[in-house]
Amino acid sequence: MNFHEVRFPTDVSFGALGGPERRTEIVTLANGHEERNTPWAYSRRRYDAGMGLRSLDDLEVLIAFFEARRGQMYGFRWKDWADYRSVKPSREISGGDQLIGMGDEVQTVFQIVKNYTSGGAAYARPIEKLVAGTVEVQVSGDPLAEGVDYEVDLNTGLVTFYHPPDIQAEITAGYEFDVPVRFDMDTLMTSVATYQAGEVPHVPLVEVRI
């Protein structure tokens, strides 16, 4: 896949607008009831990087980043300041933050996920672009050591144990992560005059599947 393992500058992305997107198909029946269905198993994020620009230096950084990615050609990492950790902003990351699987003495590879729960409903979001130096893993509450007990692929979000966890052992993880995105346009329209007057360019980004 055309993807550059580089993060969009975080000092420019701070203040950007964006969040999750869903696709729901709604059919209204003759009696007024609705049938709702979705073809998407997972949500997709959209952002506007232009909302984070604060100076002409930021604008130059954006142009350089856009050119280096060849517009929509290459994806890249994006820090979603509203949702980039395995735990609430007020708490410290720990290896017990998110349940990612249960041991069966056979499986050794587990996908890191982030679980969103509300009102008895839950959604498990696969997390692929992990941030180096932030990943912690536990099995049944016992902290494990990377390179001794397991290895983690920061580009796919896969945790591989050297020995399969015991049956019914809870496998949990804590981490920071990025969102894989690409520019959602091939033309970057900027104007120094209008930018200085308080107008910012529209720079749409869309999450990509890895």
C-alpha atoms as a PDB file:
ATOM      1  CA  MET A   1       0.000   0.000   0.000  1.00  0.00           C
ATOM      2  CA  ASN A   2       1.155   3.556  -0.714  1.00  0.00           C
ATOM      3  CA  PHE A   3       1.821   4.730   2.817  1.00  0.00           C
ATOM      4  CA  HIS A   4       4.556   6.847   4.392  1.00  0.00           C
ATOM      5  CA  GLU A   5       5.266   6.085   8.051  1.00  0.00           C
ATOM      6  CA  VAL A   6       5.518   9.770   8.898  1.00  0.00           C
ATOM      7  CA  ARG A   7       3.254  11.822  11.137  1.00  0.00           C
ATOM      8  CA  PHE A   8       1.640  15.074  10.076  1.00  0.00           C
ATOM      9  CA  PRO A   9       3.247  17.829  12.221  1.00  0.00           C
ATOM     10  CA  THR A  10       1.401  17.796  15.531  1.00  0.00           C
ATOM     11  CA  ASP A  11       1.807  21.516  16.184  1.00  0.00           C
ATOM     12  CA  VAL A  12      -0.159  22.119  12.977  1.00  0.00           C
ATOM     13  CA  SER A  13      -2.749  19.387  13.523  1.00  0.00           C
ATOM     14  CA  PHE A  14      -3.673  20.709  16.988  1.00  0.00           C
ATOM     15  CA  GLY A  15      -6.978  22.556  16.617  1.00  0.00           C
ATOM     16  CA  ALA A  16      -8.027  20.722  13.462  1.00  0.00           C
ATOM     17  CA  LEU A  17     -11.668  19.750  13.000  1.00  0.00           C
ATOM     18  CA  GLY A  18     -12.793  16.145  12.584  1.00  0.00           C
ATOM     19  CA  GLY A  19     -14.093  12.876  13.961  1.00  0.00           C
ATOM     20  CA  PRO A  20     -15.742   9.541  13.138  1.00  0.00           C
ATOM     21  CA  GLU A  21     -18.008   8.973  10.159  1.00  0.00           C
ATOM     22  CA  ARG A  22     -20.593   6.214   9.714  1.00  0.00           C
ATOM     23  CA  ARG A  23     -22.643   5.120   6.710  1.00  0.00           C
ATOM     24  CA  THR A  24     -26.240   4.125   7.422  1.00  0.00           C
ATOM     25  CA  GLU A  25     -28.750   3.037   4.795  1.00  0.00           C
ATOM     26  CA  ILE A  26     -32.324   3.927   5.814  1.00  0.00           C
ATOM     27  CA  VAL A  27     -35.475   2.619   4.141  1.00  0.00           C
ATOM     28  CA  THR A  28     -38.811   4.133   5.203  1.00  0.00           C
ATOM     29  CA  LEU A  29     -41.613   1.572   4.981  1.00  0.00           C
ATOM     30  CA  ALA A  30     -45.203   2.278   3.927  1.00  0.00           C
ATOM     31  CA  ASN A  31     -46.344   2.161   7.561  1.00  0.00           C
ATOM     32  CA  GLY A  32     -43.805   4.815   8.555  1.00  0.00           C
ATOM     33  CA  HIS A  33     -41.387   2.461  10.270  1.00  0.00           C
ATOM     34  CA  GLU A  34     -37.739   2.387   9.236  1.00  0.00           C
ATOM     35  CA  GLU A  35     -35.275  -0.332   8.383  1.00  0.00           C
ATOM     36  CA  ARG A  36     -31.681   0.683   9.042  1.00  0.00           C
ATOM     37  CA  ASN A  37     -28.557  -1.121   7.924  1.00  0.00           C
ATOM     38  CA  THR A  38     -24.894  -0.315   7.486  1.00  0.00           C
ATOM     39  CA  PRO A  39     -22.425  -1.769   4.971  1.00  0.00           C
ATOM     40  CA  TRP A  40     -19.515  -0.629   7.166  1.00  0.00           C
ATOM     41  CA  ALA A  41     -18.253  -2.808   9.988  1.00  0.00           C
ATOM     42  CA  TYR A  42     -15.919  -0.031  11.126  1.00  0.00           C
ATOM     43  CA  SER A  43     -16.213   3.736  11.301  1.00  0.00           C
ATOM     44  CA  ARG A  44     -13.963   6.045   9.312  1.00  0.00           C
ATOM     45  CA  ARG A  45     -12.467   9.350  10.428  1.00  0.00           C
ATOM     46  CA  ARG A  46     -12.486  12.623   8.488  1.00  0.00           C
ATOM     47  CA  TYR A  47     -10.565  15.775   9.364  1.00  0.00           C
ATOM     48  CA  ASP A  48      -9.885  19.293   8.138  1.00  0.00           C
ATOM     49  CA  ALA A  49      -6.197  20.087   8.653  1.00  0.00           C
ATOM     50  CA  GLY A  50      -6.719  23.703   7.596  1.00  0.00           C
ATOM     51  CA  MET A  51      -8.396  24.480  10.907  1.00  0.00           C
ATOM     52  CA  GLY A  52      -5.121  23.903  12.739  1.00  0.00           C
ATOM     53  CA  LEU A  53      -3.076  26.489  10.818  1.00  0.00           C
ATOM     54  CA  ARG A  54      -2.028  29.525  12.845  1.00  0.00           C
ATOM     55  CA  SER A  55       0.821  31.188  10.953  1.00  0.00           C
ATOM     56  CA  LEU A  56       2.425  31.536   7.542  1.00  0.00           C
ATOM     57  CA  ASP A  57       5.143  29.157   8.739  1.00  0.00           C
ATOM     58  CA  ASP A  58       2.420  26.550   9.328  1.00  0.00           C
ATOM     59  CA  LEU A  59       1.198  27.139   5.790  1.00  0.00           C
ATOM     60  CA  GLU A  60       4.673  26.474   4.392  1.00  0.00           C
ATOM     61  CA  VAL A  61       4.927  23.270   6.431  1.00  0.00           C
ATOM     62  CA  LEU A  62       1.566  22.150   5.051  1.00  0.00           C
ATOM     63  CA  ILE A  63       2.600  22.801   1.449  1.00  0.00           C
ATOM     64  CA  ALA A  64       5.852  20.851   1.898  1.00  0.00           C
ATOM     65  CA  PHE A  65       4.014  17.944   3.507  1.00  0.00           C
ATOM     66  CA  PHE A  66       1.384  17.907   0.754  1.00  0.00           C
ATOM     67  CA  GLU A  67       4.018  17.902  -1.999  1.00  0.00           C
ATOM     68  CA  ALA A  68       6.051  15.147  -0.334  1.00  0.00           C
ATOM     69  CA  ARG A  69       2.921  12.953  -0.138  1.00  0.00           C
ATOM     70  CA  ARG A  70       2.130  13.694  -3.822  1.00  0.00           C
ATOM     71  CA  GLY A  71      -1.361  14.830  -2.891  1.00  0.00           C
ATOM     72  CA  GLN A  72      -3.637  11.813  -2.451  1.00  0.00           C
ATOM     73  CA  MET A  73      -0.988   9.313  -3.549  1.00  0.00           C
ATOM     74  CA  TYR A  74       0.588   8.459  -0.183  1.00  0.00           C
ATOM     75  CA  GLY A  75      -1.079   8.024   3.162  1.00  0.00           C
ATOM     76  CA  PHE A  76       0.461   9.158   6.447  1.00  0.00           C
ATOM     77  CA  ARG A  77      -0.034   9.210  10.208  1.00  0.00           C
ATOM     78  CA  TRP A  78      -2.329  11.753  11.843  1.00  0.00           C
ATOM     79  CA  LYS A  79      -2.688  12.529  15.546  1.00  0.00           C
ATOM     80  CA  ASP A  80      -6.341  12.943  16.477  1.00  0.00           C
ATOM     81  CA  TRP A  81      -5.996  15.169  19.525  1.00  0.00           C
ATOM     82  CA  ALA A  82      -9.518  14.254  20.658  1.00  0.00           C
ATOM     83  CA  ASP A  83      -8.857  10.488  20.595  1.00  0.00           C
ATOM     84  CA  TYR A  84      -5.276   9.199  20.576  1.00  0.00           C
ATOM     85  CA  ARG A  85      -4.895   7.227  23.801  1.00  0.00           C
ATOM     86  CA  SER A  86      -6.137   3.932  25.257  1.00  0.00           C
ATOM     87  CA  VAL A  87      -7.550   5.723  28.287  1.00  0.00           C
ATOM     88  CA  LYS A  88      -9.226   9.004  29.231  1.00  0.00           C
ATOM     89  CA  PRO A  89      -7.010  12.125  29.087  1.00  0.00           C
ATOM     90  CA  SER A  90      -7.179  12.505  32.890  1.00  0.00           C
ATOM     91  CA  ARG A  91      -5.600   9.091  33.505  1.00  0.00           C
ATOM     92  CA  GLU A  92      -2.162   7.598  32.960  1.00  0.00           C
ATOM     93  CA  ILE A  93      -1.730   4.869  30.336  1.00  0.00           C
ATOM     94  CA  SER A  94      -1.369   1.368  31.776  1.00  0.00           C
ATOM     95  CA  GLY A  95      -1.190  -2.140  30.374  1.00  0.00           C
ATOM     96  CA  GLY A  96      -4.668  -2.875  31.721  1.00  0.00           C
ATOM     97  CA  ASP A  97      -6.509  -0.186  29.748  1.00  0.00           C
ATOM     98  CA  GLN A  98      -8.064  -2.174  26.884  1.00  0.00           C
ATOM     99  CA  LEU A  99      -9.043  -5.830  26.587  1.00  0.00           C
ATOM    100  CA  ILE A 100      -7.639  -7.145  23.296  1.00  0.00           C
ATOM    101  CA  GLY A 101      -8.271 -10.878  23.654  1.00  0.00           C
ATOM    102  CA  MET A 102      -8.539 -14.010  25.765  1.00  0.00           C
ATOM    103  CA  GLY A 103      -5.875 -16.715  25.958  1.00  0.00           C
ATOM    104  CA  ASP A 104      -6.477 -20.264  24.733  1.00  0.00           C
ATOM    105  CA  GLU A 105      -2.927 -21.718  24.963  1.00  0.00           C
ATOM    106  CA  VAL A 106      -2.807 -21.735  21.144  1.00  0.00           C
ATOM    107  CA  GLN A 107      -3.169 -18.210  19.745  1.00  0.00           C
ATOM    108  CA  THR A 108      -0.051 -16.053  19.909  1.00  0.00           C
ATOM    109  CA  VAL A 109      -0.997 -13.048  17.724  1.00  0.00           C
ATOM    110  CA  PHE A 110      -3.570 -10.471  18.839  1.00  0.00           C
ATOM    111  CA  GLN A 111      -4.794  -7.265  17.209  1.00  0.00           C
ATOM    112  CA  ILE A 112      -4.761  -4.218  19.459  1.00  0.00           C
ATOM    113  CA  VAL A 113      -8.200  -2.617  19.673  1.00  0.00           C
ATOM    114  CA  LYS A 114      -9.870   0.267  21.464  1.00  0.00           C
ATOM    115  CA  ASN A 115     -13.265  -0.515  22.961  1.00  0.00           C
ATOM    116  CA  TYR A 116     -16.012   2.122  22.958  1.00  0.00           C
ATOM    117  CA  THR A 117     -18.953   1.294  25.258  1.00  0.00           C
ATOM    118  CA  SER A 118     -22.174   3.125  26.061  1.00  0.00           C
ATOM    119  CA  GLY A 119     -25.528   1.952  27.366  1.00  0.00           C
ATOM    120  CA  GLY A 120     -24.701  -1.715  27.057  1.00  0.00           C
ATOM    121  CA  ALA A 121     -23.552  -1.430  23.439  1.00  0.00           C
ATOM    122  CA  ALA A 122     -19.910  -1.716  22.434  1.00  0.00           C
ATOM    123  CA  TYR A 123     -17.676  -1.141  19.418  1.00  0.00           C
ATOM    124  CA  ALA A 124     -14.150  -2.563  19.084  1.00  0.00           C
ATOM    125  CA  ARG A 125     -11.989  -0.376  16.851  1.00  0.00           C
ATOM    126  CA  PRO A 126      -8.839  -1.978  15.418  1.00  0.00           C
ATOM    127  CA  ILE A 127      -5.767   0.124  16.213  1.00  0.00           C
ATOM    128  CA  GLU A 128      -2.941  -0.201  13.689  1.00  0.00           C
ATOM    129  CA  LYS A 129      -0.646   2.822  13.890  1.00  0.00           C
ATOM    130  CA  LEU A 130       0.841   2.658  17.380  1.00  0.00           C
ATOM    131  CA  VAL A 131       3.260   5.256  18.754  1.00  0.00           C
ATOM    132  CA  ALA A 132       6.728   3.976  19.626  1.00  0.00           C
ATOM    133  CA  GLY A 133       7.567   3.807  23.313  1.00  0.00           C
ATOM    134  CA  THR A 134       3.946   3.994  24.525  1.00  0.00           C
ATOM    135  CA  VAL A 135       2.757   0.370  24.332  1.00  0.00           C
ATOM    136  CA  GLU A 136       2.278  -1.615  27.549  1.00  0.00           C
ATOM    137  CA  VAL A 137       0.882  -5.164  27.679  1.00  0.00           C
ATOM    138  CA  GLN A 138      -0.461  -7.282  30.524  1.00  0.00           C
ATOM    139  CA  VAL A 139      -1.734 -10.853  30.809  1.00  0.00           C
ATOM    140  CA  SER A 140      -4.159 -11.449  33.693  1.00  0.00           C
ATOM    141  CA  GLY A 141      -2.933  -8.207  35.263  1.00  0.00           C
ATOM    142  CA  ASP A 142       0.756  -9.108  35.145  1.00  0.00           C
ATOM    143  CA  PRO A 143       2.924  -6.592  33.219  1.00  0.00           C
ATOM    144  CA  LEU A 144       5.023  -8.120  30.437  1.00  0.00           C
ATOM    145  CA  ALA A 145       8.274  -6.916  28.887  1.00  0.00           C
ATOM    146  CA  GLU A 146       8.538  -6.131  25.190  1.00  0.00           C
ATOM    147  CA  GLY A 147      11.361  -8.117  23.612  1.00  0.00           C
ATOM    148  CA  VAL A 148      11.220 -10.693  26.405  1.00  0.00           C
ATOM    149  CA  ASP A 149       7.590 -11.834  26.456  1.00  0.00           C
ATOM    150  CA  TYR A 150       6.209 -10.343  23.261  1.00  0.00           C
ATOM    151  CA  GLU A 151       6.892  -8.105  20.286  1.00  0.00           C
ATOM    152  CA  VAL A 152       4.620  -5.442  18.828  1.00  0.00           C
ATOM    153  CA  ASP A 153       4.366  -4.209  15.237  1.00  0.00           C
ATOM    154  CA  LEU A 154       3.855  -0.449  15.421  1.00  0.00           C
ATOM    155  CA  ASN A 155       2.594  -0.329  11.824  1.00  0.00           C
ATOM    156  CA  THR A 156      -0.095  -3.030  12.056  1.00  0.00           C
ATOM    157  CA  GLY A 157      -1.039  -3.054  15.730  1.00  0.00           C
ATOM    158  CA  LEU A 158      -0.307  -6.772  16.082  1.00  0.00           C
ATOM    159  CA  VAL A 159       1.074  -8.129  19.355  1.00  0.00           C
ATOM    160  CA  THR A 160       2.919 -11.443  19.051  1.00  0.00           C
ATOM    161  CA  PHE A 161       3.620 -13.461  22.203  1.00  0.00           C
ATOM    162  CA  TYR A 162       6.606 -15.767  22.348  1.00  0.00           C
ATOM    163  CA  HIS A 163       4.447 -18.232  24.285  1.00  0.00           C
ATOM    164  CA  PRO A 164       0.628 -18.449  23.925  1.00  0.00           C
ATOM    165  CA  PRO A 165      -1.249 -17.026  26.931  1.00  0.00           C
ATOM    166  CA  ASP A 166      -3.034 -19.467  29.248  1.00  0.00           C
ATOM    167  CA  ILE A 167      -6.668 -20.430  28.758  1.00  0.00           C
ATOM    168  CA  GLN A 168      -9.055 -17.606  29.772  1.00  0.00           C
ATOM    169  CA  ALA A 169      -6.148 -15.274  30.537  1.00  0.00           C
ATOM    170  CA  GLU A 170      -7.192 -11.661  29.907  1.00  0.00           C
ATOM    171  CA  ILE A 171      -4.837  -9.923  27.471  1.00  0.00           C
ATOM    172  CA  THR A 172      -4.866  -6.148  27.839  1.00  0.00           C
ATOM    173  CA  ALA A 173      -2.884  -3.230  26.467  1.00  0.00           C
ATOM    174  CA  GLY A 174      -2.310   0.489  26.908  1.00  0.00           C
ATOM    175  CA  TYR A 175      -0.921   2.762  24.203  1.00  0.00           C
ATOM    176  CA  GLU A 176      -0.988   5.940  22.149  1.00  0.00           C
ATOM    177  CA  PHE A 177      -1.905   5.720  18.484  1.00  0.00           C
ATOM    178  CA  ASP A 178      -2.200   7.619  15.211  1.00  0.00           C
ATOM    179  CA  VAL A 179      -4.863   7.418  12.502  1.00  0.00           C
ATOM    180  CA  PRO A 180      -3.798   6.370   8.970  1.00  0.00           C
ATOM    181  CA  VAL A 181      -5.098   9.051   6.602  1.00  0.00           C
ATOM    182  CA  ARG A 182      -4.507  10.625   3.201  1.00  0.00           C
ATOM    183  CA  PHE A 183      -5.282  13.999   1.704  1.00  0.00           C
ATOM    184  CA  ASP A 184      -8.769  13.956   0.210  1.00  0.00           C
ATOM    185  CA  MET A 185      -7.847  16.265  -2.659  1.00  0.00           C
ATOM    186  CA  ASP A 186      -5.093  16.695  -5.233  1.00  0.00           C
ATOM    187  CA  THR A 187      -5.257  20.497  -5.314  1.00  0.00           C
ATOM    188  CA  LEU A 188      -4.129  22.646  -2.404  1.00  0.00           C
ATOM    189  CA  MET A 189      -5.594  26.144  -2.734  1.00  0.00           C
ATOM    190  CA  THR A 190      -3.850  28.763  -0.594  1.00  0.00           C
ATOM    191  CA  SER A 191      -3.682  32.543  -0.542  1.00  0.00           C
ATOM    192  CA  VAL A 192      -1.365  34.532   1.681  1.00  0.00           C
ATOM    193  CA  ALA A 193      -3.621  37.568   1.437  1.00  0.00           C
ATOM    194  CA  THR A 194      -6.787  35.806   2.569  1.00  0.00           C
ATOM    195  CA  TYR A 195      -4.915  33.779   5.188  1.00  0.00           C
ATOM    196  CA  GLN A 196      -3.610  36.942   6.831  1.00  0.00           C
ATOM    197  CA  ALA A 197      -7.167  38.249   6.817  1.00  0.00           C
ATOM    198  CA  GLY A 198      -8.265  35.299   8.951  1.00  0.00           C
ATOM    199  CA  GLU A 199      -9.367  32.783   6.332  1.00  0.00           C
ATOM    200  CA  VAL A 200      -7.833  29.295   6.382  1.00  0.00           C
ATOM    201  CA  PRO A 201      -7.664  26.832   3.481  1.00  0.00           C
ATOM    202  CA  HIS A 202      -9.886  23.766   3.397  1.00  0.00           C
ATOM    203  CA  VAL A 203      -7.578  20.746   3.737  1.00  0.00           C
ATOM    204  CA  PRO A 204      -9.702  17.589   3.932  1.00  0.00           C
ATOM    205  CA  LEU A 205      -8.214  14.319   5.175  1.00  0.00           C
ATOM    206  CA  VAL A 206      -9.853  10.888   5.177  1.00  0.00           C
ATOM    207  CA  GLU A 207      -8.919   7.703   7.040  1.00  0.00           C
ATOM    208  CA  VAL A 208      -7.589   4.848   4.914  1.00  0.00           C
ATOM    209  CA  ARG A 209      -7.795   1.113   5.437  1.00  0.00           C
ATOM    210  CA  ILE A 210      -4.449  -0.597   5.890  1.00  0.00           C
END
